[in-house]
Amino acid sequence: MKLRTILIYSASLLWLPLVVSAQSQGIQNPLNSAYSTIPTFIAGFLKVMVQIGLPVVALFMLIAGYKFASAGGNSEKLSKAKENFVYVIIGACLILGAWVLATLIGNTVSNVVGNTTQLN
């Protein structure tokens, strides 16, 4: 227990010069300057999530279609394929709905603040 405490204190002392130098030099913004405000950051984040989510939805649509085709009249497999298809549609609606809702909220905030740039 005592050795662990000594190791923790010594490790924290090793990081101290780095923290002090970061404070003296200032911390740079790691984000692109286009995403420097909160509404534009949220819009950019959701745009990336939609760009990632829609191909995933398309892949699961193909899987659901394959399950329909491979069911071969088996009612149990057909019901599982229908359930899978419904979940894919619900997921797609959630992804697109979140993007639309965030875009509307971001545009409203931008209009209230007085910023004339619209979020897309």
PDB file of N, CA and C in Angstrom:
ATOM      1  N   MET A   1       0.829  -1.189   0.000  1.00  0.00           N
ATOM      2  CA  MET A   1       0.000   0.000   0.000  1.00  0.00           C
ATOM      3  C   MET A   1       0.870   1.248   0.000  1.00  0.00           C
ATOM      4  N   LYS A   2       1.939   1.227   0.756  1.00  0.00           N
ATOM      5  CA  LYS A   2       2.809   2.380   0.834  1.00  0.00           C
ATOM      6  C   LYS A   2       3.565   2.587  -0.477  1.00  0.00           C
ATOM      7  N   LEU A   3       3.968   1.498  -1.120  1.00  0.00           N
ATOM      8  CA  LEU A   3       4.671   1.583  -2.401  1.00  0.00           C
ATOM      9  C   LEU A   3       3.749   2.168  -3.469  1.00  0.00           C
ATOM     10  N   ARG A   4       2.497   1.779  -3.436  1.00  0.00           N
ATOM     11  CA  ARG A   4       1.532   2.295  -4.401  1.00  0.00           C
ATOM     12  C   ARG A   4       1.357   3.806  -4.237  1.00  0.00           C
ATOM     13  N   THR A   5       1.280   4.273  -3.021  1.00  0.00           N
ATOM     14  CA  THR A   5       1.141   5.702  -2.755  1.00  0.00           C
ATOM     15  C   THR A   5       2.373   6.462  -3.230  1.00  0.00           C
ATOM     16  N   ILE A   6       3.525   5.906  -2.995  1.00  0.00           N
ATOM     17  CA  ILE A   6       4.766   6.559  -3.445  1.00  0.00           C
ATOM     18  C   ILE A   6       4.806   6.636  -4.964  1.00  0.00           C
ATOM     19  N   LEU A   7       4.384   5.579  -5.649  1.00  0.00           N
ATOM     20  CA  LEU A   7       4.363   5.580  -7.112  1.00  0.00           C
ATOM     21  C   LEU A   7       3.382   6.608  -7.654  1.00  0.00           C
ATOM     22  N   ILE A   8       2.243   6.742  -7.026  1.00  0.00           N
ATOM     23  CA  ILE A   8       1.244   7.722  -7.472  1.00  0.00           C
ATOM     24  C   ILE A   8       1.783   9.139  -7.312  1.00  0.00           C
ATOM     25  N   TYR A   9       2.382   9.423  -6.172  1.00  0.00           N
ATOM     26  CA  TYR A   9       2.926  10.763  -5.959  1.00  0.00           C
ATOM     27  C   TYR A   9       4.084  11.062  -6.903  1.00  0.00           C
ATOM     28  N   SER A  10       4.936  10.083  -7.146  1.00  0.00           N
ATOM     29  CA  SER A  10       6.066  10.331  -8.043  1.00  0.00           C
ATOM     30  C   SER A  10       5.593  10.508  -9.478  1.00  0.00           C
ATOM     31  N   ALA A  11       4.565   9.775  -9.895  1.00  0.00           N
ATOM     32  CA  ALA A  11       4.028   9.941 -11.246  1.00  0.00           C
ATOM     33  C   ALA A  11       3.380  11.306 -11.405  1.00  0.00           C
ATOM     34  N   SER A  12       2.704  11.775 -10.365  1.00  0.00           N
ATOM     35  CA  SER A  12       2.085  13.094 -10.458  1.00  0.00           C
ATOM     36  C   SER A  12       3.142  14.193 -10.498  1.00  0.00           C
ATOM     37  N   LEU A  13       4.250  13.991  -9.841  1.00  0.00           N
ATOM     38  CA  LEU A  13       5.325  14.987  -9.883  1.00  0.00           C
ATOM     39  C   LEU A  13       6.004  15.024 -11.248  1.00  0.00           C
ATOM     40  N   LEU A  14       6.006  13.893 -11.959  1.00  0.00           N
ATOM     41  CA  LEU A  14       6.586  13.875 -13.303  1.00  0.00           C
ATOM     42  C   LEU A  14       5.738  14.665 -14.294  1.00  0.00           C
ATOM     43  N   TRP A  15       4.418  14.708 -14.099  1.00  0.00           N
ATOM     44  CA  TRP A  15       3.525  15.433 -15.002  1.00  0.00           C
ATOM     45  C   TRP A  15       3.441  16.922 -14.683  1.00  0.00           C
ATOM     46  N   LEU A  16       3.885  17.330 -13.530  1.00  0.00           N
ATOM     47  CA  LEU A  16       3.766  18.721 -13.119  1.00  0.00           C
ATOM     48  C   LEU A  16       4.448  19.695 -14.076  1.00  0.00           C
ATOM     49  N   PRO A  17       5.663  19.459 -14.561  1.00  0.00           N
ATOM     50  CA  PRO A  17       6.265  20.410 -15.511  1.00  0.00           C
ATOM     51  C   PRO A  17       5.473  20.551 -16.810  1.00  0.00           C
ATOM     52  N   LEU A  18       4.848  19.474 -17.248  1.00  0.00           N
ATOM     53  CA  LEU A  18       4.041  19.559 -18.461  1.00  0.00           C
ATOM     54  C   LEU A  18       2.809  20.423 -18.261  1.00  0.00           C
ATOM     55  N   VAL A  19       2.197  20.310 -17.111  1.00  0.00           N
ATOM     56  CA  VAL A  19       1.014  21.123 -16.813  1.00  0.00           C
ATOM     57  C   VAL A  19       1.396  22.595 -16.722  1.00  0.00           C
ATOM     58  N   VAL A  20       2.501  22.884 -16.092  1.00  0.00           N
ATOM     59  CA  VAL A  20       2.950  24.269 -15.949  1.00  0.00           C
ATOM     60  C   VAL A  20       3.287  24.860 -17.313  1.00  0.00           C
ATOM     61  N   SER A  21       3.945  24.091 -18.174  1.00  0.00           N
ATOM     62  CA  SER A  21       4.289  24.620 -19.499  1.00  0.00           C
ATOM     63  C   SER A  21       3.041  24.808 -20.348  1.00  0.00           C
ATOM     64  N   ALA A  22       2.030  23.961 -20.180  1.00  0.00           N
ATOM     65  CA  ALA A  22       0.787  24.131 -20.930  1.00  0.00           C
ATOM     66  C   ALA A  22       0.065  25.399 -20.496  1.00  0.00           C
ATOM     67  N   GLN A  23       0.143  25.726 -19.220  1.00  0.00           N
ATOM     68  CA  GLN A  23      -0.514  26.933 -18.746  1.00  0.00           C
ATOM     69  C   GLN A  23       0.218  28.180 -19.220  1.00  0.00           C
ATOM     70  N   SER A  24       1.525  28.128 -19.300  1.00  0.00           N
ATOM     71  CA  SER A  24       2.266  29.320 -19.707  1.00  0.00           C
ATOM     72  C   SER A  24       2.161  29.570 -21.207  1.00  0.00           C
ATOM     73  N   GLN A  25       2.048  28.521 -22.006  1.00  0.00           N
ATOM     74  CA  GLN A  25       1.974  28.678 -23.454  1.00  0.00           C
ATOM     75  C   GLN A  25       0.544  28.847 -23.933  1.00  0.00           C
ATOM     76  N   GLY A  26      -0.406  28.483 -23.159  1.00  0.00           N
ATOM     77  CA  GLY A  26      -1.799  28.547 -23.565  1.00  0.00           C
ATOM     78  C   GLY A  26      -2.184  27.272 -24.284  1.00  0.00           C
ATOM     79  N   ILE A  27      -3.424  26.922 -24.203  1.00  0.00           N
ATOM     80  CA  ILE A  27      -3.901  25.703 -24.836  1.00  0.00           C
ATOM     81  C   ILE A  27      -4.586  26.094 -26.137  1.00  0.00           C
ATOM     82  N   GLN A  28      -4.169  25.476 -27.220  1.00  0.00           N
ATOM     83  CA  GLN A  28      -4.740  25.755 -28.530  1.00  0.00           C
ATOM     84  C   GLN A  28      -6.030  24.959 -28.720  1.00  0.00           C
ATOM     85  N   ASN A  29      -6.950  25.520 -29.466  1.00  0.00           N
ATOM     86  CA  ASN A  29      -8.195  24.844 -29.774  1.00  0.00           C
ATOM     87  C   ASN A  29      -7.916  23.731 -30.780  1.00  0.00           C
ATOM     88  N   PRO A  30      -8.195  22.464 -30.433  1.00  0.00           N
ATOM     89  CA  PRO A  30      -7.885  21.379 -31.353  1.00  0.00           C
ATOM     90  C   PRO A  30      -8.898  21.236 -32.484  1.00  0.00           C
ATOM     91  N   LEU A  31     -10.029  21.915 -32.385  1.00  0.00           N
ATOM     92  CA  LEU A  31     -11.068  21.793 -33.400  1.00  0.00           C
ATOM     93  C   LEU A  31     -10.808  22.736 -34.569  1.00  0.00           C
ATOM     94  N   ASN A  32     -11.400  22.408 -35.658  1.00  0.00           N
ATOM     95  CA  ASN A  32     -11.372  23.283 -36.818  1.00  0.00           C
ATOM     96  C   ASN A  32     -12.082  24.593 -36.451  1.00  0.00           C
ATOM     97  N   SER A  33     -11.630  25.696 -36.988  1.00  0.00           N
ATOM     98  CA  SER A  33     -12.235  26.982 -36.638  1.00  0.00           C
ATOM     99  C   SER A  33     -13.684  27.082 -37.096  1.00  0.00           C
ATOM    100  N   ALA A  34     -14.091  26.259 -38.048  1.00  0.00           N
ATOM    101  CA  ALA A  34     -15.483  26.260 -38.498  1.00  0.00           C
ATOM    102  C   ALA A  34     -16.414  25.702 -37.426  1.00  0.00           C
ATOM    103  N   TYR A  35     -15.876  24.925 -36.484  1.00  0.00           N
ATOM    104  CA  TYR A  35     -16.681  24.324 -35.432  1.00  0.00           C
ATOM    105  C   TYR A  35     -16.378  24.949 -34.073  1.00  0.00           C
ATOM    106  N   SER A  36     -16.136  26.227 -34.039  1.00  0.00           N
ATOM    107  CA  SER A  36     -15.737  26.867 -32.792  1.00  0.00           C
ATOM    108  C   SER A  36     -16.922  27.244 -31.901  1.00  0.00           C
ATOM    109  N   THR A  37     -18.127  27.290 -32.444  1.00  0.00           N
ATOM    110  CA  THR A  37     -19.293  27.574 -31.613  1.00  0.00           C
ATOM    111  C   THR A  37     -20.042  26.277 -31.332  1.00  0.00           C
ATOM    112  N   ILE A  38     -20.826  26.300 -30.295  1.00  0.00           N
ATOM    113  CA  ILE A  38     -21.535  25.087 -29.885  1.00  0.00           C
ATOM    114  C   ILE A  38     -22.553  24.636 -30.942  1.00  0.00           C
ATOM    115  N   PRO A  39     -23.382  25.515 -31.515  1.00  0.00           N
ATOM    116  CA  PRO A  39     -24.327  25.035 -32.526  1.00  0.00           C
ATOM    117  C   PRO A  39     -23.643  24.444 -33.761  1.00  0.00           C
ATOM    118  N   THR A  40     -22.549  25.055 -34.213  1.00  0.00           N
ATOM    119  CA  THR A  40     -21.881  24.497 -35.387  1.00  0.00           C
ATOM    120  C   THR A  40     -21.177  23.182 -35.049  1.00  0.00           C
ATOM    121  N   PHE A  41     -20.669  23.059 -33.814  1.00  0.00           N
ATOM    122  CA  PHE A  41     -20.061  21.798 -33.405  1.00  0.00           C
ATOM    123  C   PHE A  41     -21.093  20.683 -33.362  1.00  0.00           C
ATOM    124  N   ILE A  42     -22.269  20.970 -32.796  1.00  0.00           N
ATOM    125  CA  ILE A  42     -23.325  19.959 -32.719  1.00  0.00           C
ATOM    126  C   ILE A  42     -23.794  19.580 -34.114  1.00  0.00           C
ATOM    127  N   ALA A  43     -23.946  20.568 -34.988  1.00  0.00           N
ATOM    128  CA  ALA A  43     -24.378  20.279 -36.358  1.00  0.00           C
ATOM    129  C   ALA A  43     -23.332  19.438 -37.084  1.00  0.00           C
ATOM    130  N   GLY A  44     -22.071  19.764 -36.914  1.00  0.00           N
ATOM    131  CA  GLY A  44     -21.015  18.986 -37.551  1.00  0.00           C
ATOM    132  C   GLY A  44     -20.945  17.572 -37.012  1.00  0.00           C
ATOM    133  N   PHE A  45     -21.093  17.424 -35.690  1.00  0.00           N
ATOM    134  CA  PHE A  45     -21.074  16.104 -35.072  1.00  0.00           C
ATOM    135  C   PHE A  45     -22.225  15.251 -35.583  1.00  0.00           C
ATOM    136  N   LEU A  46     -23.422  15.830 -35.641  1.00  0.00           N
ATOM    137  CA  LEU A  46     -24.572  15.061 -36.112  1.00  0.00           C
ATOM    138  C   LEU A  46     -24.476  14.748 -37.600  1.00  0.00           C
ATOM    139  N   LYS A  47     -23.848  15.638 -38.360  1.00  0.00           N
ATOM    140  CA  LYS A  47     -23.653  15.354 -39.787  1.00  0.00           C
ATOM    141  C   LYS A  47     -22.752  14.138 -39.963  1.00  0.00           C
ATOM    142  N   VAL A  48     -21.698  14.069 -39.155  1.00  0.00           N
ATOM    143  CA  VAL A  48     -20.805  12.908 -39.215  1.00  0.00           C
ATOM    144  C   VAL A  48     -21.543  11.650 -38.765  1.00  0.00           C
ATOM    145  N   MET A  49     -22.342  11.753 -37.721  1.00  0.00           N
ATOM    146  CA  MET A  49     -23.077  10.585 -37.237  1.00  0.00           C
ATOM    147  C   MET A  49     -24.075  10.077 -38.278  1.00  0.00           C
ATOM    148  N   VAL A  50     -24.716  11.002 -39.006  1.00  0.00           N
ATOM    149  CA  VAL A  50     -25.636  10.585 -40.068  1.00  0.00           C
ATOM    150  C   VAL A  50     -24.859   9.938 -41.203  1.00  0.00           C
ATOM    151  N   GLN A  51     -23.693  10.491 -41.540  1.00  0.00           N
ATOM    152  CA  GLN A  51     -22.893   9.905 -42.609  1.00  0.00           C
ATOM    153  C   GLN A  51     -22.379   8.522 -42.239  1.00  0.00           C
ATOM    154  N   ILE A  52     -22.180   8.268 -40.968  1.00  0.00           N
ATOM    155  CA  ILE A  52     -21.777   6.932 -40.532  1.00  0.00           C
ATOM    156  C   ILE A  52     -22.999   6.030 -40.384  1.00  0.00           C
ATOM    157  N   GLY A  53     -24.087   6.573 -39.871  1.00  0.00           N
ATOM    158  CA  GLY A  53     -25.272   5.771 -39.558  1.00  0.00           C
ATOM    159  C   GLY A  53     -26.039   5.291 -40.770  1.00  0.00           C
ATOM    160  N   LEU A  54     -26.128   6.098 -41.809  1.00  0.00           N
ATOM    161  CA  LEU A  54     -26.922   5.690 -42.965  1.00  0.00           C
ATOM    162  C   LEU A  54     -26.330   4.503 -43.719  1.00  0.00           C
ATOM    163  N   PRO A  55     -25.013   4.405 -43.919  1.00  0.00           N
ATOM    164  CA  PRO A  55     -24.497   3.166 -44.520  1.00  0.00           C
ATOM    165  C   PRO A  55     -24.725   1.934 -43.642  1.00  0.00           C
ATOM    166  N   VAL A  56     -24.686   2.120 -42.324  1.00  0.00           N
ATOM    167  CA  VAL A  56     -24.979   1.003 -41.418  1.00  0.00           C
ATOM    168  C   VAL A  56     -26.433   0.579 -41.571  1.00  0.00           C
ATOM    169  N   VAL A  57     -27.331   1.545 -41.695  1.00  0.00           N
ATOM    170  CA  VAL A  57     -28.749   1.239 -41.909  1.00  0.00           C
ATOM    171  C   VAL A  57     -28.921   0.501 -43.232  1.00  0.00           C
ATOM    172  N   ALA A  58     -28.220   0.949 -44.286  1.00  0.00           N
ATOM    173  CA  ALA A  58     -28.317   0.268 -45.577  1.00  0.00           C
ATOM    174  C   ALA A  58     -27.810  -1.170 -45.481  1.00  0.00           C
ATOM    175  N   LEU A  59     -26.738  -1.387 -44.737  1.00  0.00           N
ATOM    176  CA  LEU A  59     -26.216  -2.740 -44.557  1.00  0.00           C
ATOM    177  C   LEU A  59     -27.230  -3.631 -43.849  1.00  0.00           C
ATOM    178  N   PHE A  60     -27.846  -3.110 -42.801  1.00  0.00           N
ATOM    179  CA  PHE A  60     -28.824  -3.913 -42.079  1.00  0.00           C
ATOM    180  C   PHE A  60     -30.108  -4.099 -42.896  1.00  0.00           C
ATOM    181  N   MET A  61     -30.402  -3.186 -43.800  1.00  0.00           N
ATOM    182  CA  MET A  61     -31.529  -3.397 -44.729  1.00  0.00           C
ATOM    183  C   MET A  61     -31.233  -4.579 -45.639  1.00  0.00           C
ATOM    184  N   LEU A  62     -29.989  -4.656 -46.122  1.00  0.00           N
ATOM    185  CA  LEU A  62     -29.603  -5.799 -46.953  1.00  0.00           C
ATOM    186  C   LEU A  62     -29.689  -7.102 -46.177  1.00  0.00           C
ATOM    187  N   ILE A  63     -29.266  -7.077 -44.921  1.00  0.00           N
ATOM    188  CA  ILE A  63     -29.347  -8.278 -44.084  1.00  0.00           C
ATOM    189  C   ILE A  63     -30.801  -8.687 -43.869  1.00  0.00           C
ATOM    190  N   ALA A  64     -31.676  -7.706 -43.634  1.00  0.00           N
ATOM    191  CA  ALA A  64     -33.094  -8.003 -43.455  1.00  0.00           C
ATOM    192  C   ALA A  64     -33.693  -8.570 -44.748  1.00  0.00           C
ATOM    193  N   GLY A  65     -33.290  -8.010 -45.888  1.00  0.00           N
ATOM    194  CA  GLY A  65     -33.770  -8.546 -47.168  1.00  0.00           C
ATOM    195  C   GLY A  65     -33.289  -9.961 -47.397  1.00  0.00           C
ATOM    196  N   TYR A  66     -32.052 -10.246 -47.023  1.00  0.00           N
ATOM    197  CA  TYR A  66     -31.533 -11.609 -47.144  1.00  0.00           C
ATOM    198  C   TYR A  66     -32.312 -12.567 -46.250  1.00  0.00           C
ATOM    199  N   LYS A  67     -32.666 -12.108 -45.064  1.00  0.00           N
ATOM    200  CA  LYS A  67     -33.442 -12.963 -44.165  1.00  0.00           C
ATOM    201  C   LYS A  67     -34.831 -13.244 -44.739  1.00  0.00           C
ATOM    202  N   PHE A  68     -35.426 -12.234 -45.394  1.00  0.00           N
ATOM    203  CA  PHE A  68     -36.710 -12.459 -46.063  1.00  0.00           C
ATOM    204  C   PHE A  68     -36.566 -13.495 -47.162  1.00  0.00           C
ATOM    205  N   ALA A  69     -35.516 -13.344 -47.971  1.00  0.00           N
ATOM    206  CA  ALA A  69     -35.332 -14.247 -49.113  1.00  0.00           C
ATOM    207  C   ALA A  69     -34.985 -15.660 -48.658  1.00  0.00           C
ATOM    208  N   SER A  70     -34.231 -15.785 -47.579  1.00  0.00           N
ATOM    209  CA  SER A  70     -33.817 -17.108 -47.130  1.00  0.00           C
ATOM    210  C   SER A  70     -34.839 -17.767 -46.194  1.00  0.00           C
ATOM    211  N   ALA A  71     -35.922 -17.086 -45.891  1.00  0.00           N
ATOM    212  CA  ALA A  71     -36.932 -17.668 -44.998  1.00  0.00           C
ATOM    213  C   ALA A  71     -37.582 -18.884 -45.642  1.00  0.00           C
ATOM    214  N   GLY A  72     -37.790 -18.835 -46.942  1.00  0.00           N
ATOM    215  CA  GLY A  72     -38.310 -19.995 -47.665  1.00  0.00           C
ATOM    216  C   GLY A  72     -39.674 -20.472 -47.192  1.00  0.00           C
ATOM    217  N   GLY A  73     -40.521 -19.591 -46.743  1.00  0.00           N
ATOM    218  CA  GLY A  73     -41.859 -19.970 -46.321  1.00  0.00           C
ATOM    219  C   GLY A  73     -41.948 -20.391 -44.860  1.00  0.00           C
ATOM    220  N   ASN A  74     -40.840 -20.458 -44.172  1.00  0.00           N
ATOM    221  CA  ASN A  74     -40.848 -20.804 -42.750  1.00  0.00           C
ATOM    222  C   ASN A  74     -41.390 -19.600 -41.972  1.00  0.00           C
ATOM    223  N   SER A  75     -42.503 -19.816 -41.286  1.00  0.00           N
ATOM    224  CA  SER A  75     -43.175 -18.688 -40.630  1.00  0.00           C
ATOM    225  C   SER A  75     -42.337 -18.110 -39.486  1.00  0.00           C
ATOM    226  N   GLU A  76     -41.558 -18.937 -38.807  1.00  0.00           N
ATOM    227  CA  GLU A  76     -40.730 -18.442 -37.701  1.00  0.00           C
ATOM    228  C   GLU A  76     -39.605 -17.545 -38.225  1.00  0.00           C
ATOM    229  N   LYS A  77     -38.937 -18.003 -39.298  1.00  0.00           N
ATOM    230  CA  LYS A  77     -37.872 -17.188 -39.891  1.00  0.00           C
ATOM    231  C   LYS A  77     -38.432 -15.919 -40.516  1.00  0.00           C
ATOM    232  N   LEU A  78     -39.628 -16.021 -41.093  1.00  0.00           N
ATOM    233  CA  LEU A  78     -40.256 -14.850 -41.698  1.00  0.00           C
ATOM    234  C   LEU A  78     -40.628 -13.814 -40.645  1.00  0.00           C
ATOM    235  N   SER A  79     -41.099 -14.253 -39.489  1.00  0.00           N
ATOM    236  CA  SER A  79     -41.439 -13.300 -38.430  1.00  0.00           C
ATOM    237  C   SER A  79     -40.180 -12.630 -37.878  1.00  0.00           C
ATOM    238  N   LYS A  80     -39.067 -13.376 -37.781  1.00  0.00           N
ATOM    239  CA  LYS A  80     -37.808 -12.767 -37.345  1.00  0.00           C
ATOM    240  C   LYS A  80     -37.304 -11.761 -38.371  1.00  0.00           C
ATOM    241  N   ALA A  81     -37.487 -12.059 -39.654  1.00  0.00           N
ATOM    242  CA  ALA A  81     -37.067 -11.125 -40.704  1.00  0.00           C
ATOM    243  C   ALA A  81     -37.908  -9.854 -40.654  1.00  0.00           C
ATOM    244  N   LYS A  82     -39.198  -9.993 -40.425  1.00  0.00           N
ATOM    245  CA  LYS A  82     -40.065  -8.812 -40.306  1.00  0.00           C
ATOM    246  C   LYS A  82     -39.668  -7.969 -39.097  1.00  0.00           C
ATOM    247  N   GLU A  83     -39.386  -8.626 -37.981  1.00  0.00           N
ATOM    248  CA  GLU A  83     -38.978  -7.917 -36.771  1.00  0.00           C
ATOM    249  C   GLU A  83     -37.661  -7.169 -37.002  1.00  0.00           C
ATOM    250  N   ASN A  84     -36.724  -7.808 -37.685  1.00  0.00           N
ATOM    251  CA  ASN A  84     -35.449  -7.179 -38.007  1.00  0.00           C
ATOM    252  C   ASN A  84     -35.660  -5.961 -38.903  1.00  0.00           C
ATOM    253  N   PHE A  85     -36.541  -6.098 -39.890  1.00  0.00           N
ATOM    254  CA  PHE A  85     -36.818  -4.985 -40.800  1.00  0.00           C
ATOM    255  C   PHE A  85     -37.452  -3.806 -40.063  1.00  0.00           C
ATOM    256  N   VAL A  86     -38.357  -4.091 -39.132  1.00  0.00           N
ATOM    257  CA  VAL A  86     -39.002  -3.024 -38.357  1.00  0.00           C
ATOM    258  C   VAL A  86     -37.958  -2.293 -37.509  1.00  0.00           C
ATOM    259  N   TYR A  87     -37.041  -3.038 -36.904  1.00  0.00           N
ATOM    260  CA  TYR A  87     -35.995  -2.403 -36.096  1.00  0.00           C
ATOM    261  C   TYR A  87     -35.069  -1.544 -36.944  1.00  0.00           C
ATOM    262  N   VAL A  88     -34.798  -1.977 -38.157  1.00  0.00           N
ATOM    263  CA  VAL A  88     -33.954  -1.172 -39.060  1.00  0.00           C
ATOM    264  C   VAL A  88     -34.653   0.131 -39.410  1.00  0.00           C
ATOM    265  N   ILE A  89     -35.921   0.071 -39.703  1.00  0.00           N
ATOM    266  CA  ILE A  89     -36.691   1.278 -40.040  1.00  0.00           C
ATOM    267  C   ILE A  89     -36.770   2.211 -38.835  1.00  0.00           C
ATOM    268  N   ILE A  90     -36.977   1.669 -37.645  1.00  0.00           N
ATOM    269  CA  ILE A  90     -37.014   2.501 -36.439  1.00  0.00           C
ATOM    270  C   ILE A  90     -35.664   3.173 -36.213  1.00  0.00           C
ATOM    271  N   GLY A  91     -34.577   2.450 -36.404  1.00  0.00           N
ATOM    272  CA  GLY A  91     -33.239   3.027 -36.255  1.00  0.00           C
ATOM    273  C   GLY A  91     -32.980   4.136 -37.245  1.00  0.00           C
ATOM    274  N   ALA A  92     -33.399   3.934 -38.497  1.00  0.00           N
ATOM    275  CA  ALA A  92     -33.221   4.968 -39.515  1.00  0.00           C
ATOM    276  C   ALA A  92     -34.028   6.215 -39.165  1.00  0.00           C
ATOM    277  N   CYS A  93     -35.238   6.023 -38.677  1.00  0.00           N
ATOM    278  CA  CYS A  93     -36.066   7.172 -38.279  1.00  0.00           C
ATOM    279  C   CYS A  93     -35.449   7.912 -37.095  1.00  0.00           C
ATOM    280  N   LEU A  94     -34.875   7.184 -36.155  1.00  0.00           N
ATOM    281  CA  LEU A  94     -34.230   7.831 -35.014  1.00  0.00           C
ATOM    282  C   LEU A  94     -33.013   8.640 -35.445  1.00  0.00           C
ATOM    283  N   ILE A  95     -32.206   8.098 -36.343  1.00  0.00           N
ATOM    284  CA  ILE A  95     -31.018   8.813 -36.816  1.00  0.00           C
ATOM    285  C   ILE A  95     -31.419  10.085 -37.554  1.00  0.00           C
ATOM    286  N   LEU A  96     -32.333   9.960 -38.486  1.00  0.00           N
ATOM    287  CA  LEU A  96     -32.748  11.135 -39.256  1.00  0.00           C
ATOM    288  C   LEU A  96     -33.532  12.132 -38.399  1.00  0.00           C
ATOM    289  N   GLY A  97     -34.336  11.625 -37.473  1.00  0.00           N
ATOM    290  CA  GLY A  97     -35.087  12.515 -36.590  1.00  0.00           C
ATOM    291  C   GLY A  97     -34.179  13.315 -35.665  1.00  0.00           C
ATOM    292  N   ALA A  98     -33.145  12.678 -35.152  1.00  0.00           N
ATOM    293  CA  ALA A  98     -32.194  13.395 -34.294  1.00  0.00           C
ATOM    294  C   ALA A  98     -31.467  14.470 -35.086  1.00  0.00           C
ATOM    295  N   TRP A  99     -31.108  14.159 -36.311  1.00  0.00           N
ATOM    296  CA  TRP A  99     -30.411  15.137 -37.146  1.00  0.00           C
ATOM    297  C   TRP A  99     -31.326  16.329 -37.462  1.00  0.00           C
ATOM    298  N   VAL A 100     -32.571  16.059 -37.828  1.00  0.00           N
ATOM    299  CA  VAL A 100     -33.517  17.138 -38.137  1.00  0.00           C
ATOM    300  C   VAL A 100     -33.797  17.979 -36.897  1.00  0.00           C
ATOM    301  N   LEU A 101     -34.007  17.334 -35.768  1.00  0.00           N
ATOM    302  CA  LEU A 101     -34.298  18.062 -34.532  1.00  0.00           C
ATOM    303  C   LEU A 101     -33.117  18.930 -34.117  1.00  0.00           C
ATOM    304  N   ALA A 102     -31.926  18.403 -34.195  1.00  0.00           N
ATOM    305  CA  ALA A 102     -30.747  19.192 -33.822  1.00  0.00           C
ATOM    306  C   ALA A 102     -30.521  20.341 -34.794  1.00  0.00           C
ATOM    307  N   THR A 103     -30.788  20.129 -36.063  1.00  0.00           N
ATOM    308  CA  THR A 103     -30.652  21.210 -37.039  1.00  0.00           C
ATOM    309  C   THR A 103     -31.661  22.317 -36.760  1.00  0.00           C
ATOM    310  N   LEU A 104     -32.893  21.946 -36.443  1.00  0.00           N
ATOM    311  CA  LEU A 104     -33.911  22.954 -36.123  1.00  0.00           C
ATOM    312  C   LEU A 104     -33.551  23.722 -34.856  1.00  0.00           C
ATOM    313  N   ILE A 105     -33.098  23.018 -33.832  1.00  0.00           N
ATOM    314  CA  ILE A 105     -32.711  23.688 -32.589  1.00  0.00           C
ATOM    315  C   ILE A 105     -31.503  24.592 -32.820  1.00  0.00           C
ATOM    316  N   GLY A 106     -30.530  24.111 -33.587  1.00  0.00           N
ATOM    317  CA  GLY A 106     -29.349  24.924 -33.882  1.00  0.00           C
ATOM    318  C   GLY A 106     -29.695  26.176 -34.655  1.00  0.00           C
ATOM    319  N   ASN A 107     -30.587  26.060 -35.640  1.00  0.00           N
ATOM    320  CA  ASN A 107     -31.004  27.241 -36.402  1.00  0.00           C
ATOM    321  C   ASN A 107     -31.782  28.216 -35.525  1.00  0.00           C
ATOM    322  N   THR A 108     -32.606  27.692 -34.625  1.00  0.00           N
ATOM    323  CA  THR A 108     -33.349  28.561 -33.722  1.00  0.00           C
ATOM    324  C   THR A 108     -32.407  29.308 -32.789  1.00  0.00           C
ATOM    325  N   VAL A 109     -31.427  28.604 -32.239  1.00  0.00           N
ATOM    326  CA  VAL A 109     -30.449  29.245 -31.354  1.00  0.00           C
ATOM    327  C   VAL A 109     -29.657  30.296 -32.122  1.00  0.00           C
ATOM    328  N   SER A 110     -29.275  29.986 -33.353  1.00  0.00           N
ATOM    329  CA  SER A 110     -28.521  30.948 -34.159  1.00  0.00           C
ATOM    330  C   SER A 110     -29.349  32.195 -34.442  1.00  0.00           C
ATOM    331  N   ASN A 111     -30.644  32.019 -34.702  1.00  0.00           N
ATOM    332  CA  ASN A 111     -31.504  33.175 -34.954  1.00  0.00           C
ATOM    333  C   ASN A 111     -31.731  33.995 -33.698  1.00  0.00           C
ATOM    334  N   VAL A 112     -31.855  33.335 -32.549  1.00  0.00           N
ATOM    335  CA  VAL A 112     -32.057  34.061 -31.300  1.00  0.00           C
ATOM    336  C   VAL A 112     -30.810  34.853 -30.933  1.00  0.00           C
ATOM    337  N   VAL A 113     -29.653  34.254 -31.098  1.00  0.00           N
ATOM    338  CA  VAL A 113     -28.402  34.917 -30.767  1.00  0.00           C
ATOM    339  C   VAL A 113     -28.126  36.052 -31.752  1.00  0.00           C
ATOM    340  N   GLY A 114     -28.604  35.910 -32.956  1.00  0.00           N
ATOM    341  CA  GLY A 114     -28.393  36.964 -33.950  1.00  0.00           C
ATOM    342  C   GLY A 114     -27.361  36.590 -34.987  1.00  0.00           C
ATOM    343  N   ASN A 115     -26.877  35.362 -34.934  1.00  0.00           N
ATOM    344  CA  ASN A 115     -25.921  34.889 -35.930  1.00  0.00           C
ATOM    345  C   ASN A 115     -26.698  34.576 -37.194  1.00  0.00           C
ATOM    346  N   THR A 116     -26.247  35.073 -38.332  1.00  0.00           N
ATOM    347  CA  THR A 116     -27.001  34.906 -39.562  1.00  0.00           C
ATOM    348  C   THR A 116     -26.670  33.631 -40.305  1.00  0.00           C
ATOM    349  N   THR A 117     -25.674  32.879 -39.884  1.00  0.00           N
ATOM    350  CA  THR A 117     -25.317  31.649 -40.578  1.00  0.00           C
ATOM    351  C   THR A 117     -26.266  30.547 -40.171  1.00  0.00           C
ATOM    352  N   GLN A 118     -26.796  29.838 -41.138  1.00  0.00           N
ATOM    353  CA  GLN A 118     -27.710  28.732 -40.908  1.00  0.00           C
ATOM    354  C   GLN A 118     -26.922  27.418 -40.884  1.00  0.00           C
ATOM    355  N   LEU A 119     -27.399  26.457 -40.094  1.00  0.00           N
ATOM    356  CA  LEU A 119     -26.750  25.161 -39.998  1.00  0.00           C
ATOM    357  C   LEU A 119     -27.342  24.226 -41.034  1.00  0.00           C
ATOM    358  N   ASN A 120     -26.500  23.436 -41.656  1.00  0.00           N
ATOM    359  CA  ASN A 120     -26.980  22.454 -42.648  1.00  0.00           C
ATOM    360  C   ASN A 120     -26.559  21.080 -42.240  1.00  0.00           C
TER     361      ASN A 120
END
